[in-house]
């Protein structure tokens, strides 16, 4: 499947055209920023989990585990959708009209949806629901991750939007449906553990 026209292709051309004259090192820097954003979000989740364990906060510790599971499930779903849709990368389809900062992924590495956006949104939404004060950091990081995937030329805007919706929805649904059960399981495994976050609701 090739996308050559429409608002998403036009937006892709506009974004990549804006940065077409950037120095060669900018592509490597932005690619590193893409990976760095995911690393930061992952480290934040580990920190939230460890802090909750130390404070005996079963709600947040269970929710952090569910966020990790949900993000992994969303990633697996993203990979499955890629194999069904087979959307060619815009850097290959629009190469003559859109210069890209980063090297184009190899053939067979499909574009829709964006795995990076899926992972970032899953982690960002989970962190925001478990620790609302972290939303000001986690959600902009997830948004920046999605935007950078377009800026470096790896994805159309609709790829990253679909990935973000997928990742965020799977994690939010998992927390909503199973957080109380997961919290009860954690409490059962640690019967002497008393939550110190009684002011927090049972579900986000």
N, C-alpha and C. Protein backbone atom coordinates (compact mmCIF):
# COMPACT_ATOMS: atom_id res chain seq x y z
N UNK A 1 0.84 -1.19 0.00
CA UNK A 1 0.00 0.00 0.00
C UNK A 1 0.88 1.25 0.00
N UNK A 2 0.56 2.19 -0.90
CA UNK A 2 1.32 3.44 -0.99
C UNK A 2 0.39 4.64 -0.82
N UNK A 3 0.80 5.59 0.00
CA UNK A 3 0.04 6.82 0.20
C UNK A 3 0.83 7.95 -0.45
N UNK A 4 0.25 8.53 -1.47
CA UNK A 4 0.95 9.61 -2.18
C UNK A 4 0.20 10.93 -2.16
N UNK A 5 -1.10 10.89 -1.81
CA UNK A 5 -1.91 12.11 -1.79
C UNK A 5 -2.70 12.17 -0.48
N UNK A 6 -3.37 13.32 -0.29
CA UNK A 6 -4.19 13.50 0.89
C UNK A 6 -3.53 14.38 1.92
N UNK A 7 -4.28 14.75 2.96
CA UNK A 7 -3.75 15.66 3.97
C UNK A 7 -2.53 15.15 4.71
N UNK A 8 -2.46 13.84 4.96
CA UNK A 8 -1.32 13.30 5.70
C UNK A 8 -0.05 13.39 4.86
N UNK A 9 -0.16 13.05 3.56
CA UNK A 9 1.00 13.14 2.69
C UNK A 9 1.44 14.60 2.52
N UNK A 10 0.47 15.50 2.43
CA UNK A 10 0.79 16.93 2.31
C UNK A 10 1.49 17.44 3.55
N UNK A 11 0.98 17.03 4.73
CA UNK A 11 1.61 17.46 5.98
C UNK A 11 3.02 16.90 6.08
N UNK A 12 3.20 15.66 5.64
CA UNK A 12 4.54 15.05 5.66
C UNK A 12 5.50 15.85 4.79
N UNK A 13 5.05 16.21 3.60
CA UNK A 13 5.91 17.00 2.71
C UNK A 13 6.27 18.34 3.33
N UNK A 14 5.29 18.97 3.99
CA UNK A 14 5.53 20.28 4.61
C UNK A 14 6.55 20.17 5.73
N UNK A 15 6.38 19.16 6.60
CA UNK A 15 7.27 19.01 7.76
C UNK A 15 8.68 18.67 7.30
N UNK A 16 8.81 17.69 6.43
CA UNK A 16 10.15 17.29 5.99
C UNK A 16 10.79 18.37 5.13
N UNK A 17 9.96 19.11 4.40
CA UNK A 17 10.51 20.21 3.61
C UNK A 17 11.07 21.32 4.48
N UNK A 18 10.45 21.54 5.62
CA UNK A 18 10.90 22.58 6.54
C UNK A 18 12.30 22.30 7.07
N UNK A 19 12.61 21.04 7.28
CA UNK A 19 13.91 20.68 7.86
C UNK A 19 14.88 20.14 6.81
N UNK A 20 14.52 20.26 5.54
CA UNK A 20 15.34 19.68 4.47
C UNK A 20 16.75 20.26 4.42
N UNK A 21 16.90 21.51 4.81
CA UNK A 21 18.22 22.16 4.75
C UNK A 21 19.00 22.06 6.05
N UNK A 22 18.51 21.26 6.99
CA UNK A 22 19.22 21.10 8.27
C UNK A 22 20.56 20.40 8.02
N UNK A 23 21.56 20.65 8.86
CA UNK A 23 22.87 19.99 8.68
C UNK A 23 22.76 18.48 8.85
N UNK A 24 23.72 17.77 8.29
CA UNK A 24 23.66 16.31 8.26
C UNK A 24 23.62 15.69 9.65
N UNK A 25 24.27 16.35 10.62
CA UNK A 25 24.28 15.78 11.98
C UNK A 25 22.93 15.89 12.67
N UNK A 26 22.03 16.72 12.14
CA UNK A 26 20.73 16.90 12.79
C UNK A 26 19.91 15.62 12.77
N UNK A 27 20.04 14.84 11.68
CA UNK A 27 19.30 13.59 11.60
C UNK A 27 19.69 12.63 12.70
N UNK A 28 20.99 12.47 12.91
CA UNK A 28 21.47 11.57 13.96
C UNK A 28 21.03 12.06 15.34
N UNK A 29 21.08 13.37 15.53
CA UNK A 29 20.68 13.93 16.82
C UNK A 29 19.20 13.68 17.09
N UNK A 30 18.36 13.88 16.07
CA UNK A 30 16.92 13.69 16.25
C UNK A 30 16.56 12.22 16.41
N UNK A 31 17.26 11.36 15.71
CA UNK A 31 17.03 9.92 15.90
C UNK A 31 17.40 9.50 17.32
N UNK A 32 18.50 10.05 17.83
CA UNK A 32 18.88 9.76 19.22
C UNK A 32 17.85 10.30 20.18
N UNK A 33 17.26 11.46 19.85
CA UNK A 33 16.22 12.04 20.71
C UNK A 33 14.99 11.15 20.73
N UNK A 34 14.67 10.52 19.58
CA UNK A 34 13.53 9.58 19.54
C UNK A 34 13.74 8.43 20.52
N UNK A 35 14.91 7.83 20.43
CA UNK A 35 15.21 6.72 21.35
C UNK A 35 15.31 7.21 22.79
N UNK A 36 15.89 8.40 22.97
CA UNK A 36 16.04 8.94 24.31
C UNK A 36 14.72 9.19 25.00
N UNK A 37 13.72 9.67 24.24
CA UNK A 37 12.41 9.92 24.84
C UNK A 37 11.80 8.64 25.37
N UNK A 38 11.95 7.54 24.61
CA UNK A 38 11.42 6.25 25.08
C UNK A 38 12.16 5.78 26.32
N UNK A 39 13.47 5.97 26.34
CA UNK A 39 14.27 5.56 27.51
C UNK A 39 13.83 6.34 28.74
N UNK A 40 13.63 7.64 28.59
CA UNK A 40 13.21 8.47 29.73
C UNK A 40 11.85 8.03 30.24
N UNK A 41 10.91 7.78 29.32
CA UNK A 41 9.58 7.34 29.73
C UNK A 41 9.65 5.98 30.44
N UNK A 42 10.48 5.08 29.93
CA UNK A 42 10.64 3.79 30.57
C UNK A 42 11.26 3.91 31.95
N UNK A 43 12.26 4.77 32.08
CA UNK A 43 12.89 4.98 33.38
C UNK A 43 11.93 5.62 34.38
N UNK A 44 11.09 6.52 33.89
CA UNK A 44 10.08 7.12 34.76
C UNK A 44 9.12 6.07 35.29
N UNK A 45 8.72 5.14 34.42
CA UNK A 45 7.81 4.08 34.87
C UNK A 45 8.48 3.20 35.93
N UNK A 46 9.74 2.85 35.71
CA UNK A 46 10.46 2.04 36.70
C UNK A 46 10.58 2.80 38.02
N UNK A 47 10.87 4.10 37.93
CA UNK A 47 10.98 4.92 39.15
C UNK A 47 9.65 4.98 39.88
N UNK A 48 8.55 5.16 39.15
CA UNK A 48 7.22 5.20 39.77
C UNK A 48 6.92 3.87 40.45
N UNK A 49 7.24 2.76 39.78
CA UNK A 49 7.00 1.45 40.37
C UNK A 49 7.83 1.25 41.64
N UNK A 50 9.12 1.57 41.56
CA UNK A 50 9.99 1.35 42.71
C UNK A 50 9.60 2.24 43.88
N UNK A 51 9.24 3.48 43.59
CA UNK A 51 8.81 4.39 44.65
C UNK A 51 7.54 3.87 45.32
N UNK A 52 6.62 3.32 44.51
CA UNK A 52 5.38 2.79 45.07
C UNK A 52 5.63 1.55 45.91
N UNK A 53 6.56 0.72 45.47
CA UNK A 53 6.90 -0.47 46.26
C UNK A 53 7.49 -0.07 47.60
N UNK A 54 8.37 0.91 47.60
CA UNK A 54 8.99 1.36 48.84
C UNK A 54 7.97 1.99 49.78
N UNK A 55 6.95 2.64 49.22
CA UNK A 55 5.92 3.27 50.05
C UNK A 55 4.76 2.34 50.34
N UNK A 56 4.86 1.09 49.86
CA UNK A 56 3.79 0.11 50.02
C UNK A 56 2.48 0.60 49.40
N UNK A 57 2.58 1.31 48.28
CA UNK A 57 1.41 1.81 47.56
C UNK A 57 1.03 0.77 46.51
N UNK A 58 0.10 -0.11 46.89
CA UNK A 58 -0.25 -1.23 46.01
C UNK A 58 -0.95 -0.77 44.74
N UNK A 59 -1.69 0.31 44.82
CA UNK A 59 -2.39 0.80 43.63
C UNK A 59 -1.40 1.20 42.53
N UNK A 60 -0.43 2.01 42.89
CA UNK A 60 0.50 2.52 41.89
C UNK A 60 1.48 1.43 41.45
N UNK A 61 1.94 0.60 42.36
CA UNK A 61 2.87 -0.46 41.97
C UNK A 61 2.20 -1.44 41.01
N UNK A 62 0.95 -1.81 41.31
CA UNK A 62 0.21 -2.69 40.40
C UNK A 62 -0.07 -2.00 39.07
N UNK A 63 -0.41 -0.71 39.14
CA UNK A 63 -0.68 0.04 37.92
C UNK A 63 0.54 0.18 37.03
N UNK A 64 1.71 0.33 37.64
CA UNK A 64 2.94 0.42 36.86
C UNK A 64 3.21 -0.87 36.11
N UNK A 65 2.96 -2.00 36.77
CA UNK A 65 3.13 -3.29 36.10
C UNK A 65 2.13 -3.43 34.96
N UNK A 66 0.88 -3.04 35.20
CA UNK A 66 -0.14 -3.09 34.15
C UNK A 66 0.22 -2.17 32.98
N UNK A 67 0.80 -1.02 33.28
CA UNK A 67 1.22 -0.11 32.22
C UNK A 67 2.29 -0.76 31.34
N UNK A 68 3.24 -1.43 31.97
CA UNK A 68 4.26 -2.13 31.20
C UNK A 68 3.66 -3.24 30.34
N UNK A 69 2.74 -4.00 30.92
CA UNK A 69 2.09 -5.08 30.18
C UNK A 69 1.26 -4.51 29.03
N UNK A 70 0.51 -3.45 29.32
CA UNK A 70 -0.33 -2.84 28.29
C UNK A 70 0.49 -2.27 27.15
N UNK A 71 1.62 -1.65 27.47
CA UNK A 71 2.48 -1.10 26.43
C UNK A 71 3.05 -2.21 25.55
N UNK A 72 3.42 -3.32 26.17
CA UNK A 72 3.93 -4.46 25.40
C UNK A 72 2.84 -5.05 24.51
N UNK A 73 1.62 -5.15 25.03
CA UNK A 73 0.50 -5.67 24.23
C UNK A 73 0.19 -4.74 23.06
N UNK A 74 0.23 -3.44 23.31
CA UNK A 74 -0.03 -2.47 22.25
C UNK A 74 1.04 -2.57 21.16
N UNK A 75 2.28 -2.77 21.58
CA UNK A 75 3.37 -2.93 20.61
C UNK A 75 3.14 -4.17 19.74
N UNK A 76 2.74 -5.27 20.38
CA UNK A 76 2.46 -6.49 19.63
C UNK A 76 1.32 -6.28 18.64
N UNK A 77 0.28 -5.56 19.08
CA UNK A 77 -0.84 -5.25 18.19
C UNK A 77 -0.39 -4.38 17.03
N UNK A 78 0.49 -3.43 17.32
CA UNK A 78 1.03 -2.56 16.27
C UNK A 78 1.78 -3.36 15.22
N UNK A 79 2.58 -4.31 15.66
CA UNK A 79 3.32 -5.16 14.72
C UNK A 79 2.36 -6.00 13.87
N UNK A 80 1.28 -6.49 14.49
CA UNK A 80 0.30 -7.29 13.75
C UNK A 80 -0.41 -6.45 12.69
N UNK A 81 -0.76 -5.22 13.05
CA UNK A 81 -1.43 -4.33 12.09
C UNK A 81 -0.50 -4.01 10.93
N UNK A 82 0.77 -3.80 11.21
CA UNK A 82 1.74 -3.53 10.13
C UNK A 82 1.72 -4.63 9.07
N UNK A 83 1.65 -5.87 9.53
CA UNK A 83 1.68 -7.00 8.60
C UNK A 83 0.41 -7.09 7.77
N UNK A 84 -0.68 -6.55 8.28
CA UNK A 84 -1.95 -6.57 7.55
C UNK A 84 -2.04 -5.41 6.57
N UNK A 85 -1.65 -4.22 7.01
CA UNK A 85 -1.80 -3.01 6.19
C UNK A 85 -0.71 -2.90 5.12
N UNK A 86 0.51 -3.27 5.46
CA UNK A 86 1.64 -3.20 4.51
C UNK A 86 1.78 -1.81 3.88
N UNK A 87 1.75 -0.78 4.69
CA UNK A 87 1.90 0.58 4.15
C UNK A 87 3.37 0.91 3.97
N UNK A 88 3.75 1.28 2.76
CA UNK A 88 5.14 1.60 2.47
C UNK A 88 5.55 2.89 3.18
N UNK A 89 6.81 2.98 3.56
CA UNK A 89 7.33 4.16 4.23
C UNK A 89 7.26 5.39 3.31
N UNK A 90 6.89 6.54 3.87
CA UNK A 90 6.82 7.75 3.04
C UNK A 90 8.18 8.15 2.48
N UNK A 91 9.25 7.83 3.20
CA UNK A 91 10.58 8.18 2.70
C UNK A 91 10.93 7.40 1.44
N UNK A 92 10.22 6.31 1.17
CA UNK A 92 10.45 5.58 -0.07
C UNK A 92 9.45 6.01 -1.15
N UNK A 93 8.20 6.21 -0.75
CA UNK A 93 7.16 6.57 -1.71
C UNK A 93 7.31 8.01 -2.20
N UNK A 94 7.67 8.92 -1.28
CA UNK A 94 7.73 10.34 -1.62
C UNK A 94 9.17 10.84 -1.71
N UNK A 95 10.10 9.95 -1.95
CA UNK A 95 11.52 10.29 -1.88
C UNK A 95 11.89 11.43 -2.82
N UNK A 96 11.27 11.49 -4.00
CA UNK A 96 11.64 12.52 -4.97
C UNK A 96 11.17 13.90 -4.57
N UNK A 97 10.10 13.94 -3.73
CA UNK A 97 9.55 15.25 -3.38
C UNK A 97 9.77 15.60 -1.92
N UNK A 98 10.42 14.72 -1.15
CA UNK A 98 10.61 14.99 0.27
C UNK A 98 11.95 14.43 0.74
N UNK A 99 12.88 15.31 1.03
CA UNK A 99 14.16 14.87 1.58
C UNK A 99 13.97 14.52 3.04
N UNK A 100 14.70 13.51 3.53
CA UNK A 100 14.56 13.10 4.92
C UNK A 100 15.87 13.23 5.66
N UNK A 101 15.77 13.50 6.95
CA UNK A 101 16.96 13.67 7.78
C UNK A 101 17.61 12.33 8.13
N UNK A 102 16.78 11.31 8.33
CA UNK A 102 17.29 10.02 8.76
C UNK A 102 17.23 9.01 7.62
N UNK A 103 18.08 7.99 7.64
CA UNK A 103 18.02 6.95 6.61
C UNK A 103 16.65 6.26 6.63
N UNK A 104 16.17 5.93 5.44
CA UNK A 104 14.87 5.26 5.34
C UNK A 104 15.00 3.81 5.82
N UNK A 105 14.08 3.32 6.64
CA UNK A 105 14.12 1.92 7.07
C UNK A 105 14.08 0.99 5.86
N UNK A 106 14.57 -0.23 6.00
CA UNK A 106 14.65 -1.15 4.85
C UNK A 106 13.28 -1.59 4.36
N UNK A 107 13.17 -2.04 3.12
CA UNK A 107 11.90 -2.55 2.60
C UNK A 107 11.36 -3.67 3.49
N UNK A 108 10.05 -3.68 3.66
CA UNK A 108 9.42 -4.67 4.53
C UNK A 108 9.24 -4.20 5.95
N UNK A 109 9.88 -3.08 6.30
CA UNK A 109 9.66 -2.46 7.60
C UNK A 109 8.54 -1.43 7.40
N UNK A 110 7.32 -1.87 7.61
CA UNK A 110 6.14 -1.09 7.21
C UNK A 110 5.91 0.11 8.11
N UNK A 111 5.11 1.04 7.62
CA UNK A 111 4.99 2.35 8.25
C UNK A 111 3.81 2.50 9.21
N UNK A 112 2.69 1.82 8.94
CA UNK A 112 1.47 2.06 9.72
C UNK A 112 1.16 0.87 10.62
N UNK A 113 0.94 1.14 11.92
CA UNK A 113 1.14 2.39 12.67
C UNK A 113 2.58 2.51 13.15
N UNK A 114 2.89 3.63 13.77
CA UNK A 114 4.24 3.86 14.28
C UNK A 114 4.45 3.13 15.60
N UNK A 115 5.44 2.24 15.63
CA UNK A 115 5.75 1.53 16.88
C UNK A 115 6.26 2.50 17.95
N UNK A 116 7.08 3.47 17.54
CA UNK A 116 7.62 4.43 18.51
C UNK A 116 6.48 5.20 19.18
N UNK A 117 5.54 5.67 18.37
CA UNK A 117 4.41 6.42 18.94
C UNK A 117 3.54 5.54 19.82
N UNK A 118 3.39 4.28 19.44
CA UNK A 118 2.61 3.34 20.25
C UNK A 118 3.23 3.17 21.63
N UNK A 119 4.54 2.92 21.66
CA UNK A 119 5.24 2.73 22.93
C UNK A 119 5.20 4.01 23.78
N UNK A 120 5.48 5.15 23.14
CA UNK A 120 5.53 6.40 23.89
C UNK A 120 4.18 6.75 24.48
N UNK A 121 3.11 6.59 23.70
CA UNK A 121 1.78 6.92 24.21
C UNK A 121 1.35 5.97 25.32
N UNK A 122 1.67 4.68 25.16
CA UNK A 122 1.33 3.73 26.21
C UNK A 122 1.98 4.09 27.54
N UNK A 123 3.27 4.38 27.49
CA UNK A 123 3.99 4.75 28.71
C UNK A 123 3.51 6.10 29.24
N UNK A 124 3.33 7.07 28.34
CA UNK A 124 2.93 8.41 28.77
C UNK A 124 1.55 8.43 29.42
N UNK A 125 0.59 7.74 28.79
CA UNK A 125 -0.77 7.70 29.36
C UNK A 125 -0.77 6.97 30.69
N UNK A 126 -0.06 5.86 30.77
CA UNK A 126 -0.01 5.12 32.04
C UNK A 126 0.57 5.96 33.16
N UNK A 127 1.66 6.65 32.88
CA UNK A 127 2.28 7.51 33.90
C UNK A 127 1.34 8.64 34.31
N UNK A 128 0.66 9.23 33.34
CA UNK A 128 -0.24 10.34 33.64
C UNK A 128 -1.43 9.88 34.50
N UNK A 129 -1.92 8.69 34.25
CA UNK A 129 -3.06 8.18 35.02
C UNK A 129 -2.64 7.78 36.43
N UNK A 130 -1.47 7.21 36.57
CA UNK A 130 -1.02 6.75 37.88
C UNK A 130 -0.49 7.89 38.74
N UNK A 131 0.22 8.80 38.11
CA UNK A 131 0.81 9.94 38.81
C UNK A 131 0.48 11.20 38.02
N UNK A 132 -0.72 11.78 38.23
CA UNK A 132 -1.15 12.94 37.43
C UNK A 132 -0.13 14.08 37.39
N UNK A 133 0.66 14.25 38.45
CA UNK A 133 1.65 15.32 38.42
C UNK A 133 2.74 15.09 37.37
N UNK A 134 2.92 13.83 36.95
CA UNK A 134 3.90 13.52 35.92
C UNK A 134 3.36 13.75 34.51
N UNK A 135 2.08 14.05 34.40
CA UNK A 135 1.48 14.24 33.08
C UNK A 135 2.17 15.38 32.33
N UNK A 136 2.59 16.42 33.06
CA UNK A 136 3.23 17.57 32.43
C UNK A 136 4.56 17.21 31.80
N UNK A 137 5.14 16.09 32.21
CA UNK A 137 6.40 15.62 31.62
C UNK A 137 6.14 14.48 30.64
N UNK A 138 5.35 13.49 31.07
CA UNK A 138 5.16 12.27 30.28
C UNK A 138 4.41 12.51 28.98
N UNK A 139 3.34 13.27 29.03
CA UNK A 139 2.55 13.47 27.82
C UNK A 139 3.27 14.32 26.77
N UNK A 140 3.92 15.43 27.15
CA UNK A 140 4.71 16.15 26.14
C UNK A 140 5.84 15.30 25.55
N UNK A 141 6.47 14.46 26.37
CA UNK A 141 7.51 13.57 25.84
C UNK A 141 6.94 12.62 24.80
N UNK A 142 5.76 12.05 25.11
CA UNK A 142 5.12 11.14 24.16
C UNK A 142 4.75 11.88 22.87
N UNK A 143 4.25 13.10 23.01
CA UNK A 143 3.90 13.89 21.84
C UNK A 143 5.12 14.25 21.01
N UNK A 144 6.22 14.60 21.69
CA UNK A 144 7.46 14.92 20.98
C UNK A 144 7.99 13.70 20.23
N UNK A 145 7.87 12.54 20.85
CA UNK A 145 8.29 11.30 20.18
C UNK A 145 7.55 11.11 18.87
N UNK A 146 6.22 11.28 18.92
CA UNK A 146 5.41 11.10 17.72
C UNK A 146 5.79 12.13 16.65
N UNK A 147 5.94 13.39 17.05
CA UNK A 147 6.28 14.44 16.10
C UNK A 147 7.65 14.19 15.46
N UNK A 148 8.62 13.78 16.26
CA UNK A 148 9.97 13.55 15.74
C UNK A 148 10.00 12.45 14.70
N UNK A 149 9.12 11.46 14.81
CA UNK A 149 9.09 10.39 13.82
C UNK A 149 8.67 10.90 12.46
N UNK A 150 7.88 11.96 12.45
CA UNK A 150 7.52 12.61 11.19
C UNK A 150 8.65 13.52 10.73
N UNK A 151 9.23 14.25 11.65
CA UNK A 151 10.29 15.20 11.31
C UNK A 151 11.48 14.50 10.65
N UNK A 152 11.87 13.33 11.17
CA UNK A 152 13.02 12.63 10.59
C UNK A 152 12.66 11.91 9.29
N UNK A 153 11.36 11.89 8.95
CA UNK A 153 10.94 11.31 7.68
C UNK A 153 10.52 9.87 7.72
N UNK A 154 10.42 9.26 8.89
CA UNK A 154 10.13 7.83 8.99
C UNK A 154 8.65 7.50 8.86
N UNK A 155 7.76 8.47 9.18
CA UNK A 155 6.33 8.18 9.21
C UNK A 155 5.50 9.34 8.69
N UNK A 156 4.33 9.00 8.17
CA UNK A 156 3.29 9.98 7.91
C UNK A 156 2.68 10.41 9.24
N UNK A 157 2.03 11.59 9.29
CA UNK A 157 1.32 11.99 10.51
C UNK A 157 0.25 10.99 10.94
N UNK A 158 -0.45 10.38 9.98
CA UNK A 158 -1.51 9.43 10.39
C UNK A 158 -0.92 8.16 11.00
N UNK A 159 0.33 7.83 10.67
CA UNK A 159 0.98 6.67 11.29
C UNK A 159 1.19 6.89 12.79
N UNK A 160 1.70 8.07 13.12
CA UNK A 160 1.99 8.34 14.54
C UNK A 160 0.71 8.58 15.32
N UNK A 161 -0.30 9.17 14.66
CA UNK A 161 -1.58 9.37 15.34
C UNK A 161 -2.21 8.02 15.67
N UNK A 162 -2.20 7.10 14.72
CA UNK A 162 -2.77 5.77 14.96
C UNK A 162 -2.00 5.04 16.05
N UNK A 163 -0.67 5.14 16.02
CA UNK A 163 0.13 4.50 17.06
C UNK A 163 -0.15 5.06 18.44
N UNK A 164 -0.29 6.39 18.52
CA UNK A 164 -0.57 7.02 19.80
C UNK A 164 -1.93 6.61 20.35
N UNK A 165 -2.93 6.57 19.46
CA UNK A 165 -4.27 6.15 19.89
C UNK A 165 -4.24 4.70 20.36
N UNK A 166 -3.54 3.85 19.62
CA UNK A 166 -3.45 2.43 19.99
C UNK A 166 -2.77 2.26 21.34
N UNK A 167 -1.59 2.83 21.51
CA UNK A 167 -0.86 2.67 22.76
C UNK A 167 -1.60 3.24 23.95
N UNK A 168 -2.10 4.46 23.81
CA UNK A 168 -2.81 5.10 24.91
C UNK A 168 -4.09 4.37 25.27
N UNK A 169 -4.83 3.91 24.26
CA UNK A 169 -6.11 3.25 24.51
C UNK A 169 -5.93 1.90 25.20
N UNK A 170 -4.95 1.12 24.75
CA UNK A 170 -4.73 -0.20 25.35
C UNK A 170 -4.34 -0.06 26.82
N UNK A 171 -3.42 0.84 27.12
CA UNK A 171 -2.98 1.01 28.51
C UNK A 171 -4.12 1.55 29.37
N UNK A 172 -4.84 2.55 28.89
CA UNK A 172 -5.95 3.12 29.66
C UNK A 172 -7.02 2.07 29.93
N UNK A 173 -7.35 1.26 28.91
CA UNK A 173 -8.37 0.23 29.08
C UNK A 173 -7.93 -0.83 30.07
N UNK A 174 -6.65 -1.20 30.01
CA UNK A 174 -6.14 -2.22 30.93
C UNK A 174 -6.17 -1.71 32.37
N UNK A 175 -5.79 -0.46 32.58
CA UNK A 175 -5.83 0.10 33.93
C UNK A 175 -7.27 0.20 34.44
N UNK A 176 -8.16 0.64 33.57
CA UNK A 176 -9.55 0.78 33.98
C UNK A 176 -10.18 -0.57 34.33
N UNK A 177 -9.85 -1.59 33.54
CA UNK A 177 -10.50 -2.89 33.72
C UNK A 177 -9.87 -3.74 34.82
N UNK A 178 -8.56 -3.63 35.00
CA UNK A 178 -7.87 -4.60 35.85
C UNK A 178 -7.09 -4.02 37.01
N UNK A 179 -7.10 -2.71 37.20
CA UNK A 179 -6.28 -2.16 38.27
C UNK A 179 -6.71 -2.63 39.64
N UNK A 180 -8.02 -2.67 39.90
CA UNK A 180 -8.50 -3.13 41.21
C UNK A 180 -8.10 -4.59 41.46
N UNK A 181 -8.24 -5.42 40.42
CA UNK A 181 -7.87 -6.83 40.54
C UNK A 181 -6.37 -6.98 40.76
N UNK A 182 -5.58 -6.23 40.00
CA UNK A 182 -4.13 -6.30 40.16
C UNK A 182 -3.70 -5.82 41.53
N UNK A 183 -4.37 -4.78 42.02
CA UNK A 183 -4.04 -4.26 43.34
C UNK A 183 -4.34 -5.30 44.42
N UNK A 184 -5.47 -5.99 44.27
CA UNK A 184 -5.84 -7.03 45.23
C UNK A 184 -4.83 -8.17 45.20
N UNK A 185 -4.35 -8.50 43.98
CA UNK A 185 -3.37 -9.57 43.87
C UNK A 185 -2.06 -9.19 44.54
N UNK A 186 -1.64 -7.95 44.36
CA UNK A 186 -0.40 -7.48 45.01
C UNK A 186 -0.57 -7.51 46.52
N UNK A 187 -1.71 -7.08 47.01
CA UNK A 187 -1.97 -7.08 48.46
C UNK A 187 -1.97 -8.49 49.01
N UNK A 188 -2.52 -9.43 48.23
CA UNK A 188 -2.57 -10.82 48.69
C UNK A 188 -1.17 -11.43 48.76
N UNK A 189 -0.32 -11.01 47.82
CA UNK A 189 1.06 -11.52 47.84
C UNK A 189 1.86 -10.91 48.98
N UNK A 190 1.44 -9.72 49.42
CA UNK A 190 2.12 -9.05 50.53
C UNK A 190 1.09 -8.67 51.58
N UNK A 191 0.60 -9.63 52.34
CA UNK A 191 -0.51 -9.38 53.27
C UNK A 191 -0.21 -8.35 54.35
N UNK A 192 1.05 -8.13 54.65
CA UNK A 192 1.37 -7.14 55.69
C UNK A 192 1.54 -5.75 55.12
N UNK A 193 1.42 -5.66 53.78
CA UNK A 193 1.64 -4.39 53.10
C UNK A 193 0.39 -3.54 53.17
N UNK A 194 0.49 -2.36 53.75
CA UNK A 194 -0.64 -1.44 53.85
C UNK A 194 -0.37 -0.24 52.97
N UNK A 195 -1.31 0.05 52.08
CA UNK A 195 -1.12 1.19 51.18
C UNK A 195 -1.06 2.48 51.96
N UNK A 196 -0.18 3.37 51.54
CA UNK A 196 -0.06 4.68 52.16
C UNK A 196 -0.62 5.77 51.29
N UNK A 197 -1.48 5.37 50.36
CA UNK A 197 -2.07 6.36 49.46
C UNK A 197 -3.59 6.27 49.49
N UNK A 198 -4.16 6.31 50.67
CA UNK A 198 -5.60 6.16 50.82
C UNK A 198 -6.38 7.26 50.14
N UNK A 199 -5.74 8.40 49.89
CA UNK A 199 -6.41 9.52 49.26
C UNK A 199 -6.53 9.33 47.75
N UNK A 200 -5.85 8.32 47.19
CA UNK A 200 -5.91 8.08 45.76
C UNK A 200 -7.08 7.18 45.42
N UNK A 201 -7.77 7.40 44.28
CA UNK A 201 -8.88 6.53 43.89
C UNK A 201 -8.38 5.16 43.48
N UNK A 202 -9.30 4.18 43.49
CA UNK A 202 -8.93 2.82 43.12
C UNK A 202 -8.64 2.67 41.65
N UNK A 203 -9.20 3.51 40.82
CA UNK A 203 -8.99 3.41 39.38
C UNK A 203 -8.82 4.79 38.82
N UNK A 204 -8.02 4.93 37.77
CA UNK A 204 -7.80 6.25 37.19
C UNK A 204 -9.04 6.74 36.49
